[in-house]
Amino acid sequence: MNKIKDFGQYMDSINEQQLSDLQKEYREYFKYILNNCYDEKSPAKLSEEKKKEFFDNINKYWVKGQGATKDLDKIKEEICGKEEEKK
């Protein structure tokens, strides 16, 4: 059995055929925000403060059973714009 090194590898290892379209969309959404706004491949690599902020943002723009509340690019602009202001 291969050891999984990070969350991104874990997410990629899940068989695509086992996921619903909404689950695939959530996976894309989660990875997109993590990679583009937090420049990480796993939330485990974030500080506790950044991890809380990341999951707050994930929950803010995702409605369970429905999907993202906005287009990914608009979400990225809102979240990453906030991140850029903090730097």
PDB file of N, CA and C in Angstrom:
ATOM      1  N   MET A   1       0.842  -1.180   0.000  1.00  0.00           N
ATOM      2  CA  MET A   1       0.000   0.000   0.000  1.00  0.00           C
ATOM      3  C   MET A   1       0.892   1.251   0.000  1.00  0.00           C
ATOM      4  N   ASN A   2       0.601   2.185  -0.876  1.00  0.00           N
ATOM      5  CA  ASN A   2       1.367   3.430  -0.955  1.00  0.00           C
ATOM      6  C   ASN A   2       0.923   4.395   0.125  1.00  0.00           C
ATOM      7  N   LYS A   3       1.912   5.063   0.735  1.00  0.00           N
ATOM      8  CA  LYS A   3       1.586   6.087   1.721  1.00  0.00           C
ATOM      9  C   LYS A   3       1.208   7.375   1.008  1.00  0.00           C
ATOM     10  N   ILE A   4       0.179   8.013   1.509  1.00  0.00           N
ATOM     11  CA  ILE A   4      -0.254   9.294   0.963  1.00  0.00           C
ATOM     12  C   ILE A   4       0.537  10.380   1.675  1.00  0.00           C
ATOM     13  N   LYS A   5       1.167  11.257   0.892  1.00  0.00           N
ATOM     14  CA  LYS A   5       2.064  12.259   1.455  1.00  0.00           C
ATOM     15  C   LYS A   5       1.367  13.555   1.830  1.00  0.00           C
ATOM     16  N   ASP A   6       0.305  13.923   1.150  1.00  0.00           N
ATOM     17  CA  ASP A   6      -0.384  15.162   1.477  1.00  0.00           C
ATOM     18  C   ASP A   6      -1.850  15.074   1.087  1.00  0.00           C
ATOM     19  N   PHE A   7      -2.591  16.072   1.500  1.00  0.00           N
ATOM     20  CA  PHE A   7      -4.033  16.092   1.258  1.00  0.00           C
ATOM     21  C   PHE A   7      -4.356  16.093  -0.234  1.00  0.00           C
ATOM     22  N   GLY A   8      -3.571  16.836  -1.014  1.00  0.00           N
ATOM     23  CA  GLY A   8      -3.793  16.894  -2.463  1.00  0.00           C
ATOM     24  C   GLY A   8      -3.668  15.527  -3.090  1.00  0.00           C
ATOM     25  N   GLN A   9      -2.671  14.769  -2.654  1.00  0.00           N
ATOM     26  CA  GLN A   9      -2.485  13.420  -3.176  1.00  0.00           C
ATOM     27  C   GLN A   9      -3.664  12.534  -2.769  1.00  0.00           C
ATOM     28  N   TYR A  10      -4.128  12.709  -1.538  1.00  0.00           N
ATOM     29  CA  TYR A  10      -5.295  11.956  -1.074  1.00  0.00           C
ATOM     30  C   TYR A  10      -6.510  12.259  -1.949  1.00  0.00           C
ATOM     31  N   MET A  11      -6.746  13.552  -2.179  1.00  0.00           N
ATOM     32  CA  MET A  11      -7.900  13.943  -2.988  1.00  0.00           C
ATOM     33  C   MET A  11      -7.798  13.360  -4.392  1.00  0.00           C
ATOM     34  N   ASP A  12      -6.599  13.352  -4.945  1.00  0.00           N
ATOM     35  CA  ASP A  12      -6.409  12.817  -6.287  1.00  0.00           C
ATOM     36  C   ASP A  12      -6.549  11.304  -6.331  1.00  0.00           C
ATOM     37  N   SER A  13      -6.318  10.650  -5.191  1.00  0.00           N
ATOM     38  CA  SER A  13      -6.352   9.194  -5.165  1.00  0.00           C
ATOM     39  C   SER A  13      -7.767   8.625  -5.134  1.00  0.00           C
ATOM     40  N   ILE A  14      -8.729   9.431  -4.783  1.00  0.00           N
ATOM     41  CA  ILE A  14     -10.112   8.952  -4.732  1.00  0.00           C
ATOM     42  C   ILE A  14     -10.601   8.706  -6.162  1.00  0.00           C
ATOM     43  N   ASN A  15     -11.181   7.569  -6.372  1.00  0.00           N
ATOM     44  CA  ASN A  15     -11.640   7.176  -7.700  1.00  0.00           C
ATOM     45  C   ASN A  15     -12.731   8.134  -8.192  1.00  0.00           C
ATOM     46  N   GLU A  16     -12.448   8.795  -9.318  1.00  0.00           N
ATOM     47  CA  GLU A  16     -13.381   9.771  -9.903  1.00  0.00           C
ATOM     48  C   GLU A  16     -14.763   9.168 -10.152  1.00  0.00           C
ATOM     49  N   GLN A  17     -14.813   7.913 -10.503  1.00  0.00           N
ATOM     50  CA  GLN A  17     -16.094   7.291 -10.840  1.00  0.00           C
ATOM     51  C   GLN A  17     -16.987   7.124  -9.624  1.00  0.00           C
ATOM     52  N   GLN A  18     -16.408   7.185  -8.442  1.00  0.00           N
ATOM     53  CA  GLN A  18     -17.189   7.018  -7.218  1.00  0.00           C
ATOM     54  C   GLN A  18     -17.808   8.331  -6.748  1.00  0.00           C
ATOM     55  N   LEU A  19     -17.423   9.425  -7.357  1.00  0.00           N
ATOM     56  CA  LEU A  19     -17.891  10.735  -6.910  1.00  0.00           C
ATOM     57  C   LEU A  19     -19.059  11.246  -7.746  1.00  0.00           C
ATOM     58  N   SER A  20     -20.004  11.901  -7.080  1.00  0.00           N
ATOM     59  CA  SER A  20     -21.094  12.545  -7.810  1.00  0.00           C
ATOM     60  C   SER A  20     -20.544  13.815  -8.465  1.00  0.00           C
ATOM     61  N   ASP A  21     -21.315  14.395  -9.347  1.00  0.00           N
ATOM     62  CA  ASP A  21     -20.896  15.640  -9.996  1.00  0.00           C
ATOM     63  C   ASP A  21     -20.682  16.745  -8.956  1.00  0.00           C
ATOM     64  N   LEU A  22     -21.537  16.798  -7.949  1.00  0.00           N
ATOM     65  CA  LEU A  22     -21.409  17.816  -6.911  1.00  0.00           C
ATOM     66  C   LEU A  22     -20.142  17.591  -6.073  1.00  0.00           C
ATOM     67  N   GLN A  23     -19.810  16.335  -5.799  1.00  0.00           N
ATOM     68  CA  GLN A  23     -18.583  16.032  -5.066  1.00  0.00           C
ATOM     69  C   GLN A  23     -17.352  16.426  -5.883  1.00  0.00           C
ATOM     70  N   LYS A  24     -17.402  16.185  -7.175  1.00  0.00           N
ATOM     71  CA  LYS A  24     -16.297  16.585  -8.054  1.00  0.00           C
ATOM     72  C   LYS A  24     -16.162  18.106  -8.072  1.00  0.00           C
ATOM     73  N   GLU A  25     -17.291  18.792  -8.104  1.00  0.00           N
ATOM     74  CA  GLU A  25     -17.279  20.256  -8.093  1.00  0.00           C
ATOM     75  C   GLU A  25     -16.698  20.772  -6.773  1.00  0.00           C
ATOM     76  N   TYR A  26     -17.067  20.135  -5.651  1.00  0.00           N
ATOM     77  CA  TYR A  26     -16.539  20.543  -4.352  1.00  0.00           C
ATOM     78  C   TYR A  26     -15.026  20.324  -4.295  1.00  0.00           C
ATOM     79  N   ARG A  27     -14.578  19.196  -4.798  1.00  0.00           N
ATOM     80  CA  ARG A  27     -13.141  18.915  -4.819  1.00  0.00           C
ATOM     81  C   ARG A  27     -12.400  19.988  -5.605  1.00  0.00           C
ATOM     82  N   GLU A  28     -12.920  20.329  -6.782  1.00  0.00           N
ATOM     83  CA  GLU A  28     -12.309  21.368  -7.608  1.00  0.00           C
ATOM     84  C   GLU A  28     -12.308  22.712  -6.879  1.00  0.00           C
ATOM     85  N   TYR A  29     -13.421  23.046  -6.269  1.00  0.00           N
ATOM     86  CA  TYR A  29     -13.576  24.293  -5.517  1.00  0.00           C
ATOM     87  C   TYR A  29     -12.565  24.359  -4.364  1.00  0.00           C
ATOM     88  N   PHE A  30     -12.498  23.300  -3.573  1.00  0.00           N
ATOM     89  CA  PHE A  30     -11.613  23.225  -2.418  1.00  0.00           C
ATOM     90  C   PHE A  30     -10.157  23.400  -2.838  1.00  0.00           C
ATOM     91  N   LYS A  31      -9.733  22.636  -3.832  1.00  0.00           N
ATOM     92  CA  LYS A  31      -8.346  22.702  -4.303  1.00  0.00           C
ATOM     93  C   LYS A  31      -8.036  24.052  -4.950  1.00  0.00           C
ATOM     94  N   TYR A  32      -8.992  24.599  -5.674  1.00  0.00           N
ATOM     95  CA  TYR A  32      -8.809  25.889  -6.338  1.00  0.00           C
ATOM     96  C   TYR A  32      -8.538  26.992  -5.320  1.00  0.00           C
ATOM     97  N   ILE A  33      -9.362  27.057  -4.280  1.00  0.00           N
ATOM     98  CA  ILE A  33      -9.182  28.088  -3.250  1.00  0.00           C
ATOM     99  C   ILE A  33      -7.871  27.860  -2.504  1.00  0.00           C
ATOM    100  N   LEU A  34      -7.588  26.626  -2.133  1.00  0.00           N
ATOM    101  CA  LEU A  34      -6.363  26.309  -1.407  1.00  0.00           C
ATOM    102  C   LEU A  34      -5.126  26.670  -2.224  1.00  0.00           C
ATOM    103  N   ASN A  35      -5.097  26.283  -3.486  1.00  0.00           N
ATOM    104  CA  ASN A  35      -3.930  26.523  -4.336  1.00  0.00           C
ATOM    105  C   ASN A  35      -3.786  27.986  -4.746  1.00  0.00           C
ATOM    106  N   ASN A  36      -4.889  28.624  -5.105  1.00  0.00           N
ATOM    107  CA  ASN A  36      -4.822  29.973  -5.658  1.00  0.00           C
ATOM    108  C   ASN A  36      -4.822  31.086  -4.625  1.00  0.00           C
ATOM    109  N   CYS A  37      -5.434  30.867  -3.488  1.00  0.00           N
ATOM    110  CA  CYS A  37      -5.531  31.931  -2.489  1.00  0.00           C
ATOM    111  C   CYS A  37      -4.607  31.718  -1.289  1.00  0.00           C
ATOM    112  N   TYR A  38      -4.222  30.486  -1.051  1.00  0.00           N
ATOM    113  CA  TYR A  38      -3.373  30.194   0.103  1.00  0.00           C
ATOM    114  C   TYR A  38      -2.028  29.593  -0.308  1.00  0.00           C
ATOM    115  N   ASP A  39      -1.846  29.353  -1.589  1.00  0.00           N
ATOM    116  CA  ASP A  39      -0.589  28.862  -2.153  1.00  0.00           C
ATOM    117  C   ASP A  39      -0.083  27.609  -1.435  1.00  0.00           C
ATOM    118  N   GLU A  40      -0.998  26.698  -1.148  1.00  0.00           N
ATOM    119  CA  GLU A  40      -0.654  25.431  -0.497  1.00  0.00           C
ATOM    120  C   GLU A  40      -1.390  24.294  -1.187  1.00  0.00           C
ATOM    121  N   LYS A  41      -0.908  23.095  -0.958  1.00  0.00           N
ATOM    122  CA  LYS A  41      -1.552  21.908  -1.513  1.00  0.00           C
ATOM    123  C   LYS A  41      -2.347  21.155  -0.454  1.00  0.00           C
ATOM    124  N   SER A  42      -2.160  21.526   0.814  1.00  0.00           N
ATOM    125  CA  SER A  42      -2.865  20.863   1.905  1.00  0.00           C
ATOM    126  C   SER A  42      -3.185  21.879   3.001  1.00  0.00           C
ATOM    127  N   PRO A  43      -4.405  21.834   3.551  1.00  0.00           N
ATOM    128  CA  PRO A  43      -4.718  22.749   4.645  1.00  0.00           C
ATOM    129  C   PRO A  43      -3.879  22.458   5.890  1.00  0.00           C
ATOM    130  N   ALA A  44      -3.326  21.261   5.991  1.00  0.00           N
ATOM    131  CA  ALA A  44      -2.487  20.908   7.135  1.00  0.00           C
ATOM    132  C   ALA A  44      -1.230  21.773   7.209  1.00  0.00           C
ATOM    133  N   LYS A  45      -0.811  22.322   6.086  1.00  0.00           N
ATOM    134  CA  LYS A  45       0.388  23.149   6.041  1.00  0.00           C
ATOM    135  C   LYS A  45       0.113  24.603   6.438  1.00  0.00           C
ATOM    136  N   LEU A  46      -1.139  24.950   6.620  1.00  0.00           N
ATOM    137  CA  LEU A  46      -1.506  26.311   7.014  1.00  0.00           C
ATOM    138  C   LEU A  46      -1.364  26.482   8.521  1.00  0.00           C
ATOM    139  N   SER A  47      -1.066  27.706   8.952  1.00  0.00           N
ATOM    140  CA  SER A  47      -1.063  28.003  10.388  1.00  0.00           C
ATOM    141  C   SER A  47      -2.493  27.823  10.900  1.00  0.00           C
ATOM    142  N   GLU A  48      -2.645  27.701  12.194  1.00  0.00           N
ATOM    143  CA  GLU A  48      -3.993  27.532  12.764  1.00  0.00           C
ATOM    144  C   GLU A  48      -4.909  28.688  12.371  1.00  0.00           C
ATOM    145  N   GLU A  49      -4.369  29.896  12.371  1.00  0.00           N
ATOM    146  CA  GLU A  49      -5.159  31.079  12.003  1.00  0.00           C
ATOM    147  C   GLU A  49      -5.584  31.013  10.531  1.00  0.00           C
ATOM    148  N   LYS A  50      -4.636  30.684   9.660  1.00  0.00           N
ATOM    149  CA  LYS A  50      -4.935  30.598   8.224  1.00  0.00           C
ATOM    150  C   LYS A  50      -5.872  29.427   7.930  1.00  0.00           C
ATOM    151  N   LYS A  51      -5.716  28.330   8.670  1.00  0.00           N
ATOM    152  CA  LYS A  51      -6.573  27.158   8.480  1.00  0.00           C
ATOM    153  C   LYS A  51      -8.019  27.509   8.804  1.00  0.00           C
ATOM    154  N   LYS A  52      -8.221  28.224   9.929  1.00  0.00           N
ATOM    155  CA  LYS A  52      -9.574  28.644  10.306  1.00  0.00           C
ATOM    156  C   LYS A  52     -10.146  29.568   9.238  1.00  0.00           C
ATOM    157  N   GLU A  53      -9.335  30.520   8.785  1.00  0.00           N
ATOM    158  CA  GLU A  53      -9.771  31.456   7.744  1.00  0.00           C
ATOM    159  C   GLU A  53     -10.128  30.703   6.451  1.00  0.00           C
ATOM    160  N   PHE A  54      -9.292  29.735   6.075  1.00  0.00           N
ATOM    161  CA  PHE A  54      -9.533  28.944   4.868  1.00  0.00           C
ATOM    162  C   PHE A  54     -10.883  28.225   4.949  1.00  0.00           C
ATOM    163  N   PHE A  55     -11.111  27.504   6.052  1.00  0.00           N
ATOM    164  CA  PHE A  55     -12.367  26.761   6.176  1.00  0.00           C
ATOM    165  C   PHE A  55     -13.574  27.688   6.327  1.00  0.00           C
ATOM    166  N   ASP A  56     -13.391  28.832   6.944  1.00  0.00           N
ATOM    167  CA  ASP A  56     -14.473  29.823   6.995  1.00  0.00           C
ATOM    168  C   ASP A  56     -14.836  30.275   5.583  1.00  0.00           C
ATOM    169  N   ASN A  57     -13.811  30.513   4.756  1.00  0.00           N
ATOM    170  CA  ASN A  57     -14.062  30.911   3.371  1.00  0.00           C
ATOM    171  C   ASN A  57     -14.690  29.782   2.564  1.00  0.00           C
ATOM    172  N   ILE A  58     -14.238  28.551   2.780  1.00  0.00           N
ATOM    173  CA  ILE A  58     -14.840  27.401   2.087  1.00  0.00           C
ATOM    174  C   ILE A  58     -16.328  27.346   2.416  1.00  0.00           C
ATOM    175  N   ASN A  59     -16.657  27.465   3.681  1.00  0.00           N
ATOM    176  CA  ASN A  59     -18.066  27.397   4.113  1.00  0.00           C
ATOM    177  C   ASN A  59     -18.872  28.608   3.653  1.00  0.00           C
ATOM    178  N   LYS A  60     -18.235  29.754   3.573  1.00  0.00           N
ATOM    179  CA  LYS A  60     -18.940  30.982   3.189  1.00  0.00           C
ATOM    180  C   LYS A  60     -19.461  30.911   1.746  1.00  0.00           C
ATOM    181  N   TYR A  61     -18.708  30.300   0.873  1.00  0.00           N
ATOM    182  CA  TYR A  61     -19.050  30.312  -0.559  1.00  0.00           C
ATOM    183  C   TYR A  61     -19.567  28.975  -1.085  1.00  0.00           C
ATOM    184  N   TRP A  62     -19.897  28.045  -0.201  1.00  0.00           N
ATOM    185  CA  TRP A  62     -20.408  26.742  -0.630  1.00  0.00           C
ATOM    186  C   TRP A  62     -21.673  26.429   0.137  1.00  0.00           C
ATOM    187  N   VAL A  63     -22.731  26.049  -0.586  1.00  0.00           N
ATOM    188  CA  VAL A  63     -23.983  25.641   0.037  1.00  0.00           C
ATOM    189  C   VAL A  63     -24.102  24.135  -0.127  1.00  0.00           C
ATOM    190  N   LYS A  64     -24.149  23.430   0.995  1.00  0.00           N
ATOM    191  CA  LYS A  64     -24.218  21.976   0.978  1.00  0.00           C
ATOM    192  C   LYS A  64     -25.402  21.513   0.128  1.00  0.00           C
ATOM    193  N   GLY A  65     -25.120  20.598  -0.765  1.00  0.00           N
ATOM    194  CA  GLY A  65     -26.160  20.039  -1.625  1.00  0.00           C
ATOM    195  C   GLY A  65     -26.471  20.883  -2.848  1.00  0.00           C
ATOM    196  N   GLN A  66     -25.884  22.095  -2.929  1.00  0.00           N
ATOM    197  CA  GLN A  66     -26.160  22.974  -4.063  1.00  0.00           C
ATOM    198  C   GLN A  66     -24.906  23.377  -4.825  1.00  0.00           C
ATOM    199  N   GLY A  67     -23.828  23.664  -4.110  1.00  0.00           N
ATOM    200  CA  GLY A  67     -22.584  24.037  -4.767  1.00  0.00           C
ATOM    201  C   GLY A  67     -22.128  25.434  -4.412  1.00  0.00           C
ATOM    202  N   ALA A  68     -21.194  25.911  -5.203  1.00  0.00           N
ATOM    203  CA  ALA A  68     -20.614  27.234  -4.977  1.00  0.00           C
ATOM    204  C   ALA A  68     -21.672  28.308  -5.185  1.00  0.00           C
ATOM    205  N   THR A  69     -21.591  29.353  -4.363  1.00  0.00           N
ATOM    206  CA  THR A  69     -22.580  30.428  -4.441  1.00  0.00           C
ATOM    207  C   THR A  69     -22.263  31.423  -5.552  1.00  0.00           C
ATOM    208  N   LYS A  70     -21.022  31.380  -6.052  1.00  0.00           N
ATOM    209  CA  LYS A  70     -20.592  32.295  -7.113  1.00  0.00           C
ATOM    210  C   LYS A  70     -19.627  31.565  -8.035  1.00  0.00           C
ATOM    211  N   ASP A  71     -19.301  32.198  -9.131  1.00  0.00           N
ATOM    212  CA  ASP A  71     -18.285  31.703 -10.042  1.00  0.00           C
ATOM    213  C   ASP A  71     -16.942  31.645  -9.318  1.00  0.00           C
ATOM    214  N   LEU A  72     -16.130  30.618  -9.594  1.00  0.00           N
ATOM    215  CA  LEU A  72     -14.842  30.455  -8.909  1.00  0.00           C
ATOM    216  C   LEU A  72     -13.935  31.671  -9.034  1.00  0.00           C
ATOM    217  N   ASP A  73     -13.925  32.300 -10.205  1.00  0.00           N
ATOM    218  CA  ASP A  73     -13.077  33.470 -10.386  1.00  0.00           C
ATOM    219  C   ASP A  73     -13.511  34.626  -9.491  1.00  0.00           C
ATOM    220  N   LYS A  74     -14.822  34.785  -9.302  1.00  0.00           N
ATOM    221  CA  LYS A  74     -15.322  35.845  -8.421  1.00  0.00           C
ATOM    222  C   LYS A  74     -15.000  35.527  -6.968  1.00  0.00           C
ATOM    223  N   ILE A  75     -15.117  34.262  -6.602  1.00  0.00           N
ATOM    224  CA  ILE A  75     -14.768  33.851  -5.243  1.00  0.00           C
ATOM    225  C   ILE A  75     -13.285  34.089  -5.008  1.00  0.00           C
ATOM    226  N   LYS A  76     -12.460  33.683  -5.967  1.00  0.00           N
ATOM    227  CA  LYS A  76     -11.012  33.889  -5.847  1.00  0.00           C
ATOM    228  C   LYS A  76     -10.696  35.372  -5.675  1.00  0.00           C
ATOM    229  N   GLU A  77     -11.342  36.202  -6.459  1.00  0.00           N
ATOM    230  CA  GLU A  77     -11.115  37.649  -6.371  1.00  0.00           C
ATOM    231  C   GLU A  77     -11.464  38.172  -4.977  1.00  0.00           C
ATOM    232  N   GLU A  78     -12.580  37.706  -4.428  1.00  0.00           N
ATOM    233  CA  GLU A  78     -12.992  38.164  -3.099  1.00  0.00           C
ATOM    234  C   GLU A  78     -12.042  37.662  -2.010  1.00  0.00           C
ATOM    235  N   ILE A  79     -11.694  36.387  -2.057  1.00  0.00           N
ATOM    236  CA  ILE A  79     -10.829  35.811  -1.026  1.00  0.00           C
ATOM    237  C   ILE A  79      -9.385  36.260  -1.210  1.00  0.00           C
ATOM    238  N   CYS A  80      -8.863  36.109  -2.400  1.00  0.00           N
ATOM    239  CA  CYS A  80      -7.452  36.440  -2.645  1.00  0.00           C
ATOM    240  C   CYS A  80      -7.227  37.935  -2.546  1.00  0.00           C
ATOM    241  N   GLY A  81      -8.210  38.717  -2.910  1.00  0.00           N
ATOM    242  CA  GLY A  81      -8.089  40.157  -2.760  1.00  0.00           C
ATOM    243  C   GLY A  81      -7.895  40.515  -1.297  1.00  0.00           C
ATOM    244  N   LYS A  82      -8.607  39.826  -0.414  1.00  0.00           N
ATOM    245  CA  LYS A  82      -8.453  40.037   1.018  1.00  0.00           C
ATOM    246  C   LYS A  82      -7.062  39.614   1.466  1.00  0.00           C
ATOM    247  N   GLU A  83      -6.584  38.502   0.907  1.00  0.00           N
ATOM    248  CA  GLU A  83      -5.255  37.993   1.260  1.00  0.00           C
ATOM    249  C   GLU A  83      -4.167  38.979   0.815  1.00  0.00           C
ATOM    250  N   GLU A  84      -4.317  39.535  -0.383  1.00  0.00           N
ATOM    251  CA  GLU A  84      -3.327  40.468  -0.899  1.00  0.00           C
ATOM    252  C   GLU A  84      -3.265  41.740  -0.050  1.00  0.00           C
ATOM    253  N   GLU A  85      -4.414  42.193   0.424  1.00  0.00           N
ATOM    254  CA  GLU A  85      -4.466  43.388   1.260  1.00  0.00           C
ATOM    255  C   GLU A  85      -3.725  43.187   2.576  1.00  0.00           C
ATOM    256  N   LYS A  86      -3.726  41.941   3.087  1.00  0.00           N
ATOM    257  CA  LYS A  86      -3.086  41.637   4.366  1.00  0.00           C
ATOM    258  C   LYS A  86      -1.564  41.598   4.245  1.00  0.00           C
ATOM    259  N   LYS A  87      -1.059  41.353   3.049  1.00  0.00           N
ATOM    260  CA  LYS A  87       0.388  41.206   2.854  1.00  0.00           C
ATOM    261  C   LYS A  87       1.099  42.528   2.840  1.00  0.00           C
TER     262      LYS A  87
END
